[in-house]
Amino acid sequence: MSTQGPGGISMDEFRLMAERAGLGLTQSELEELKPLYELYLPHIEKLHSVELGAEEISLSFQADWPS
């Protein structure tokens, strides 16, 4: 089964990506996860296309809750 979905990635390619990531997913799990991957792929591609140069990215998390 190597048909391409609307996101342009075949199930075989998606299976290989999952194996490389060490996920160990079953066929049914792959079939369930692939549409979610294809849904978020355009947003991920936008993030990867940003040229930050020498700038650093940092995140912060405030553990205290507002009163």
PDB file of N, CA and C in Angstrom:
ATOM      1  N   MET A   1       0.844  -1.172   0.000  1.00  0.00           N
ATOM      2  CA  MET A   1       0.000   0.000   0.000  1.00  0.00           C
ATOM      3  C   MET A   1       0.891   1.237   0.000  1.00  0.00           C
ATOM      4  N   SER A   2       1.091   1.847  -1.139  1.00  0.00           N
ATOM      5  CA  SER A   2       1.934   3.031  -1.206  1.00  0.00           C
ATOM      6  C   SER A   2       1.212   4.199  -1.858  1.00  0.00           C
ATOM      7  N   THR A   3      -0.113   4.224  -1.727  1.00  0.00           N
ATOM      8  CA  THR A   3      -0.859   5.327  -2.318  1.00  0.00           C
ATOM      9  C   THR A   3      -0.659   6.594  -1.518  1.00  0.00           C
ATOM     10  N   GLN A   4      -0.635   7.696  -2.224  1.00  0.00           N
ATOM     11  CA  GLN A   4      -0.442   8.978  -1.572  1.00  0.00           C
ATOM     12  C   GLN A   4      -1.777   9.568  -1.175  1.00  0.00           C
ATOM     13  N   GLY A   5      -1.811  10.163  -0.010  1.00  0.00           N
ATOM     14  CA  GLY A   5      -3.010  10.836   0.461  1.00  0.00           C
ATOM     15  C   GLY A   5      -2.997  12.278   0.022  1.00  0.00           C
ATOM     16  N   PRO A   6      -3.957  13.047   0.508  1.00  0.00           N
ATOM     17  CA  PRO A   6      -4.028  14.454   0.121  1.00  0.00           C
ATOM     18  C   PRO A   6      -2.818  15.261   0.555  1.00  0.00           C
ATOM     19  N   GLY A   7      -2.112  14.811   1.596  1.00  0.00           N
ATOM     20  CA  GLY A   7      -0.933  15.517   2.070  1.00  0.00           C
ATOM     21  C   GLY A   7       0.302  15.222   1.250  1.00  0.00           C
ATOM     22  N   GLY A   8       0.221  14.271   0.310  1.00  0.00           N
ATOM     23  CA  GLY A   8       1.328  13.984  -0.571  1.00  0.00           C
ATOM     24  C   GLY A   8       2.347  13.011  -0.018  1.00  0.00           C
ATOM     25  N   ILE A   9       2.049  12.319   1.060  1.00  0.00           N
ATOM     26  CA  ILE A   9       2.973  11.336   1.604  1.00  0.00           C
ATOM     27  C   ILE A   9       2.292   9.969   1.574  1.00  0.00           C
ATOM     28  N   SER A  10       3.016   8.987   1.131  1.00  0.00           N
ATOM     29  CA  SER A  10       2.433   7.649   1.060  1.00  0.00           C
ATOM     30  C   SER A  10       2.444   7.003   2.441  1.00  0.00           C
ATOM     31  N   MET A  11       1.638   5.963   2.592  1.00  0.00           N
ATOM     32  CA  MET A  11       1.598   5.240   3.861  1.00  0.00           C
ATOM     33  C   MET A  11       2.946   4.585   4.130  1.00  0.00           C
ATOM     34  N   ASP A  12       3.631   4.124   3.085  1.00  0.00           N
ATOM     35  CA  ASP A  12       4.951   3.522   3.270  1.00  0.00           C
ATOM     36  C   ASP A  12       5.952   4.543   3.808  1.00  0.00           C
ATOM     37  N   GLU A  13       5.930   5.759   3.259  1.00  0.00           N
ATOM     38  CA  GLU A  13       6.815   6.817   3.745  1.00  0.00           C
ATOM     39  C   GLU A  13       6.490   7.172   5.194  1.00  0.00           C
ATOM     40  N   PHE A  14       5.202   7.243   5.499  1.00  0.00           N
ATOM     41  CA  PHE A  14       4.784   7.570   6.860  1.00  0.00           C
ATOM     42  C   PHE A  14       5.213   6.466   7.832  1.00  0.00           C
ATOM     43  N   ARG A  15       5.080   5.219   7.414  1.00  0.00           N
ATOM     44  CA  ARG A  15       5.504   4.087   8.244  1.00  0.00           C
ATOM     45  C   ARG A  15       7.008   4.162   8.521  1.00  0.00           C
ATOM     46  N   LEU A  16       7.794   4.489   7.490  1.00  0.00           N
ATOM     47  CA  LEU A  16       9.238   4.617   7.666  1.00  0.00           C
ATOM     48  C   LEU A  16       9.592   5.743   8.637  1.00  0.00           C
ATOM     49  N   MET A  17       8.890   6.867   8.541  1.00  0.00           N
ATOM     50  CA  MET A  17       9.133   7.970   9.466  1.00  0.00           C
ATOM     51  C   MET A  17       8.845   7.545  10.900  1.00  0.00           C
ATOM     52  N   ALA A  18       7.747   6.827  11.092  1.00  0.00           N
ATOM     53  CA  ALA A  18       7.388   6.371  12.439  1.00  0.00           C
ATOM     54  C   ALA A  18       8.413   5.372  12.968  1.00  0.00           C
ATOM     55  N   GLU A  19       8.910   4.496  12.093  1.00  0.00           N
ATOM     56  CA  GLU A  19       9.926   3.525  12.509  1.00  0.00           C
ATOM     57  C   GLU A  19      11.227   4.224  12.884  1.00  0.00           C
ATOM     58  N   ARG A  20      11.637   5.213  12.092  1.00  0.00           N
ATOM     59  CA  ARG A  20      12.859   5.967  12.394  1.00  0.00           C
ATOM     60  C   ARG A  20      12.752   6.706  13.715  1.00  0.00           C
ATOM     61  N   ALA A  21      11.528   7.131  14.061  1.00  0.00           N
ATOM     62  CA  ALA A  21      11.304   7.825  15.333  1.00  0.00           C
ATOM     63  C   ALA A  21      11.198   6.845  16.497  1.00  0.00           C
ATOM     64  N   GLY A  22      11.178   5.539  16.193  1.00  0.00           N
ATOM     65  CA  GLY A  22      11.106   4.533  17.236  1.00  0.00           C
ATOM     66  C   GLY A  22       9.729   4.392  17.863  1.00  0.00           C
ATOM     67  N   LEU A  23       8.676   4.734  17.123  1.00  0.00           N
ATOM     68  CA  LEU A  23       7.334   4.711  17.694  1.00  0.00           C
ATOM     69  C   LEU A  23       6.730   3.313  17.798  1.00  0.00           C
ATOM     70  N   GLY A  24       7.085   2.405  16.901  1.00  0.00           N
ATOM     71  CA  GLY A  24       6.571   1.038  16.966  1.00  0.00           C
ATOM     72  C   GLY A  24       5.058   0.962  16.866  1.00  0.00           C
ATOM     73  N   LEU A  25       4.467   1.659  15.903  1.00  0.00           N
ATOM     74  CA  LEU A  25       3.021   1.705  15.758  1.00  0.00           C
ATOM     75  C   LEU A  25       2.497   0.539  14.934  1.00  0.00           C
ATOM     76  N   THR A  26       1.280   0.107  15.244  1.00  0.00           N
ATOM     77  CA  THR A  26       0.618  -0.916  14.440  1.00  0.00           C
ATOM     78  C   THR A  26       0.051  -0.260  13.178  1.00  0.00           C
ATOM     79  N   GLN A  27      -0.399  -1.079  12.238  1.00  0.00           N
ATOM     80  CA  GLN A  27      -0.977  -0.554  10.997  1.00  0.00           C
ATOM     81  C   GLN A  27      -2.201   0.305  11.292  1.00  0.00           C
ATOM     82  N   SER A  28      -3.039  -0.124  12.204  1.00  0.00           N
ATOM     83  CA  SER A  28      -4.241   0.668  12.512  1.00  0.00           C
ATOM     84  C   SER A  28      -3.868   1.991  13.183  1.00  0.00           C
ATOM     85  N   GLU A  29      -2.837   1.986  14.020  1.00  0.00           N
ATOM     86  CA  GLU A  29      -2.381   3.233  14.642  1.00  0.00           C
ATOM     87  C   GLU A  29      -1.813   4.184  13.603  1.00  0.00           C
ATOM     88  N   LEU A  30      -1.068   3.638  12.643  1.00  0.00           N
ATOM     89  CA  LEU A  30      -0.533   4.461  11.556  1.00  0.00           C
ATOM     90  C   LEU A  30      -1.658   5.092  10.742  1.00  0.00           C
ATOM     91  N   GLU A  31      -2.669   4.298  10.432  1.00  0.00           N
ATOM     92  CA  GLU A  31      -3.791   4.799   9.643  1.00  0.00           C
ATOM     93  C   GLU A  31      -4.572   5.869  10.401  1.00  0.00           C
ATOM     94  N   GLU A  32      -4.610   5.771  11.718  1.00  0.00           N
ATOM     95  CA  GLU A  32      -5.299   6.767  12.530  1.00  0.00           C
ATOM     96  C   GLU A  32      -4.474   8.054  12.674  1.00  0.00           C
ATOM     97  N   LEU A  33      -3.155   7.913  12.763  1.00  0.00           N
ATOM     98  CA  LEU A  33      -2.281   9.058  12.989  1.00  0.00           C
ATOM     99  C   LEU A  33      -1.962   9.848  11.716  1.00  0.00           C
ATOM    100  N   LYS A  34      -1.928   9.189  10.577  1.00  0.00           N
ATOM    101  CA  LYS A  34      -1.530   9.835   9.319  1.00  0.00           C
ATOM    102  C   LYS A  34      -2.394  11.042   8.957  1.00  0.00           C
ATOM    103  N   PRO A  35      -3.730  10.991   9.086  1.00  0.00           N
ATOM    104  CA  PRO A  35      -4.523  12.192   8.770  1.00  0.00           C
ATOM    105  C   PRO A  35      -4.195  13.379   9.682  1.00  0.00           C
ATOM    106  N   LEU A  36      -3.859  13.118  10.938  1.00  0.00           N
ATOM    107  CA  LEU A  36      -3.463  14.192  11.843  1.00  0.00           C
ATOM    108  C   LEU A  36      -2.139  14.801  11.405  1.00  0.00           C
ATOM    109  N   TYR A  37      -1.203  13.951  11.007  1.00  0.00           N
ATOM    110  CA  TYR A  37       0.082  14.431  10.488  1.00  0.00           C
ATOM    111  C   TYR A  37      -0.152  15.334   9.277  1.00  0.00           C
ATOM    112  N   GLU A  38      -1.004  14.884   8.359  1.00  0.00           N
ATOM    113  CA  GLU A  38      -1.274  15.654   7.149  1.00  0.00           C
ATOM    114  C   GLU A  38      -1.999  16.959   7.456  1.00  0.00           C
ATOM    115  N   LEU A  39      -2.815  16.975   8.522  1.00  0.00           N
ATOM    116  CA  LEU A  39      -3.509  18.189   8.927  1.00  0.00           C
ATOM    117  C   LEU A  39      -2.533  19.257   9.414  1.00  0.00           C
ATOM    118  N   TYR A  40      -1.530  18.852  10.193  1.00  0.00           N
ATOM    119  CA  TYR A  40      -0.592  19.802  10.781  1.00  0.00           C
ATOM    120  C   TYR A  40       0.637  20.076   9.920  1.00  0.00           C
ATOM    121  N   LEU A  41       0.857  19.288   8.875  1.00  0.00           N
ATOM    122  CA  LEU A  41       2.049  19.438   8.039  1.00  0.00           C
ATOM    123  C   LEU A  41       2.236  20.840   7.463  1.00  0.00           C
ATOM    124  N   PRO A  42       1.208  21.509   6.913  1.00  0.00           N
ATOM    125  CA  PRO A  42       1.434  22.867   6.383  1.00  0.00           C
ATOM    126  C   PRO A  42       1.922  23.847   7.447  1.00  0.00           C
ATOM    127  N   HIS A  43       1.431  23.704   8.666  1.00  0.00           N
ATOM    128  CA  HIS A  43       1.854  24.595   9.749  1.00  0.00           C
ATOM    129  C   HIS A  43       3.301  24.310  10.145  1.00  0.00           C
ATOM    130  N   ILE A  44       3.669  23.048  10.155  1.00  0.00           N
ATOM    131  CA  ILE A  44       5.036  22.662  10.492  1.00  0.00           C
ATOM    132  C   ILE A  44       6.002  23.175   9.429  1.00  0.00           C
ATOM    133  N   GLU A  45       5.600  23.073   8.156  1.00  0.00           N
ATOM    134  CA  GLU A  45       6.454  23.562   7.073  1.00  0.00           C
ATOM    135  C   GLU A  45       6.681  25.067   7.195  1.00  0.00           C
ATOM    136  N   LYS A  46       5.663  25.818   7.625  1.00  0.00           N
ATOM    137  CA  LYS A  46       5.832  27.260   7.827  1.00  0.00           C
ATOM    138  C   LYS A  46       6.853  27.524   8.921  1.00  0.00           C
ATOM    139  N   LEU A  47       6.777  26.783  10.006  1.00  0.00           N
ATOM    140  CA  LEU A  47       7.734  26.962  11.096  1.00  0.00           C
ATOM    141  C   LEU A  47       9.153  26.658  10.649  1.00  0.00           C
ATOM    142  N   HIS A  48       9.314  25.620   9.845  1.00  0.00           N
ATOM    143  CA  HIS A  48      10.646  25.235   9.388  1.00  0.00           C
ATOM    144  C   HIS A  48      11.207  26.209   8.363  1.00  0.00           C
ATOM    145  N   SER A  49      10.340  26.972   7.704  1.00  0.00           N
ATOM    146  CA  SER A  49      10.813  27.892   6.669  1.00  0.00           C
ATOM    147  C   SER A  49      11.290  29.231   7.227  1.00  0.00           C
ATOM    148  N   VAL A  50      11.055  29.495   8.493  1.00  0.00           N
ATOM    149  CA  VAL A  50      11.450  30.760   9.100  1.00  0.00           C
ATOM    150  C   VAL A  50      12.966  30.786   9.261  1.00  0.00           C
ATOM    151  N   GLU A  51      13.581  31.858   8.760  1.00  0.00           N
ATOM    152  CA  GLU A  51      15.026  32.034   8.879  1.00  0.00           C
ATOM    153  C   GLU A  51      15.310  32.920  10.080  1.00  0.00           C
ATOM    154  N   LEU A  52      15.774  32.339  11.165  1.00  0.00           N
ATOM    155  CA  LEU A  52      16.042  33.098  12.375  1.00  0.00           C
ATOM    156  C   LEU A  52      17.467  33.624  12.443  1.00  0.00           C
ATOM    157  N   GLY A  53      18.319  33.142  11.593  1.00  0.00           N
ATOM    158  CA  GLY A  53      19.707  33.586  11.621  1.00  0.00           C
ATOM    159  C   GLY A  53      20.377  33.200  12.920  1.00  0.00           C
ATOM    160  N   ALA A  54      21.075  34.141  13.532  1.00  0.00           N
ATOM    161  CA  ALA A  54      21.823  33.861  14.751  1.00  0.00           C
ATOM    162  C   ALA A  54      20.967  34.029  16.006  1.00  0.00           C
ATOM    163  N   GLU A  55      19.700  34.368  15.848  1.00  0.00           N
ATOM    164  CA  GLU A  55      18.838  34.557  17.010  1.00  0.00           C
ATOM    165  C   GLU A  55      18.567  33.218  17.694  1.00  0.00           C
ATOM    166  N   GLU A  56      18.354  33.303  18.978  1.00  0.00           N
ATOM    167  CA  GLU A  56      18.026  32.104  19.736  1.00  0.00           C
ATOM    168  C   GLU A  56      16.554  32.143  20.124  1.00  0.00           C
ATOM    169  N   ILE A  57      15.970  30.973  20.190  1.00  0.00           N
ATOM    170  CA  ILE A  57      14.591  30.849  20.606  1.00  0.00           C
ATOM    171  C   ILE A  57      14.594  30.366  22.048  1.00  0.00           C
ATOM    172  N   SER A  58      13.770  30.986  22.865  1.00  0.00           N
ATOM    173  CA  SER A  58      13.647  30.510  24.243  1.00  0.00           C
ATOM    174  C   SER A  58      12.180  30.485  24.632  1.00  0.00           C
ATOM    175  N   LEU A  59      11.861  29.565  25.490  1.00  0.00           N
ATOM    176  CA  LEU A  59      10.503  29.441  26.003  1.00  0.00           C
ATOM    177  C   LEU A  59      10.552  29.597  27.498  1.00  0.00           C
ATOM    178  N   SER A  60       9.486  30.096  28.068  1.00  0.00           N
ATOM    179  CA  SER A  60       9.415  30.180  29.515  1.00  0.00           C
ATOM    180  C   SER A  60       8.071  29.641  29.981  1.00  0.00           C
ATOM    181  N   PHE A  61       8.055  29.123  31.160  1.00  0.00           N
ATOM    182  CA  PHE A  61       6.856  28.552  31.741  1.00  0.00           C
ATOM    183  C   PHE A  61       6.718  29.048  33.164  1.00  0.00           C
ATOM    184  N   GLN A  62       5.587  29.673  33.464  1.00  0.00           N
ATOM    185  CA  GLN A  62       5.320  30.145  34.814  1.00  0.00           C
ATOM    186  C   GLN A  62       4.417  29.130  35.497  1.00  0.00           C
ATOM    187  N   ALA A  63       4.932  28.475  36.511  1.00  0.00           N
ATOM    188  CA  ALA A  63       4.176  27.413  37.170  1.00  0.00           C
ATOM    189  C   ALA A  63       3.125  27.929  38.147  1.00  0.00           C
ATOM    190  N   ASP A  64       3.185  29.202  38.524  1.00  0.00           N
ATOM    191  CA  ASP A  64       2.203  29.702  39.485  1.00  0.00           C
ATOM    192  C   ASP A  64       0.910  30.099  38.759  1.00  0.00           C
ATOM    193  N   TRP A  65      -0.205  29.830  39.403  1.00  0.00           N
ATOM    194  CA  TRP A  65      -1.518  30.128  38.831  1.00  0.00           C
ATOM    195  C   TRP A  65      -1.984  31.487  39.327  1.00  0.00           C
ATOM    196  N   PRO A  66      -2.664  32.266  38.494  1.00  0.00           N
ATOM    197  CA  PRO A  66      -3.187  33.550  38.963  1.00  0.00           C
ATOM    198  C   PRO A  66      -4.277  33.343  40.013  1.00  0.00           C
ATOM    199  N   SER A  67      -4.406  34.278  40.920  1.00  0.00           N
ATOM    200  CA  SER A  67      -5.415  34.178  41.994  1.00  0.00           C
ATOM    201  C   SER A  67      -6.806  34.443  41.468  1.00  0.00           C
TER     202      SER A  67
END
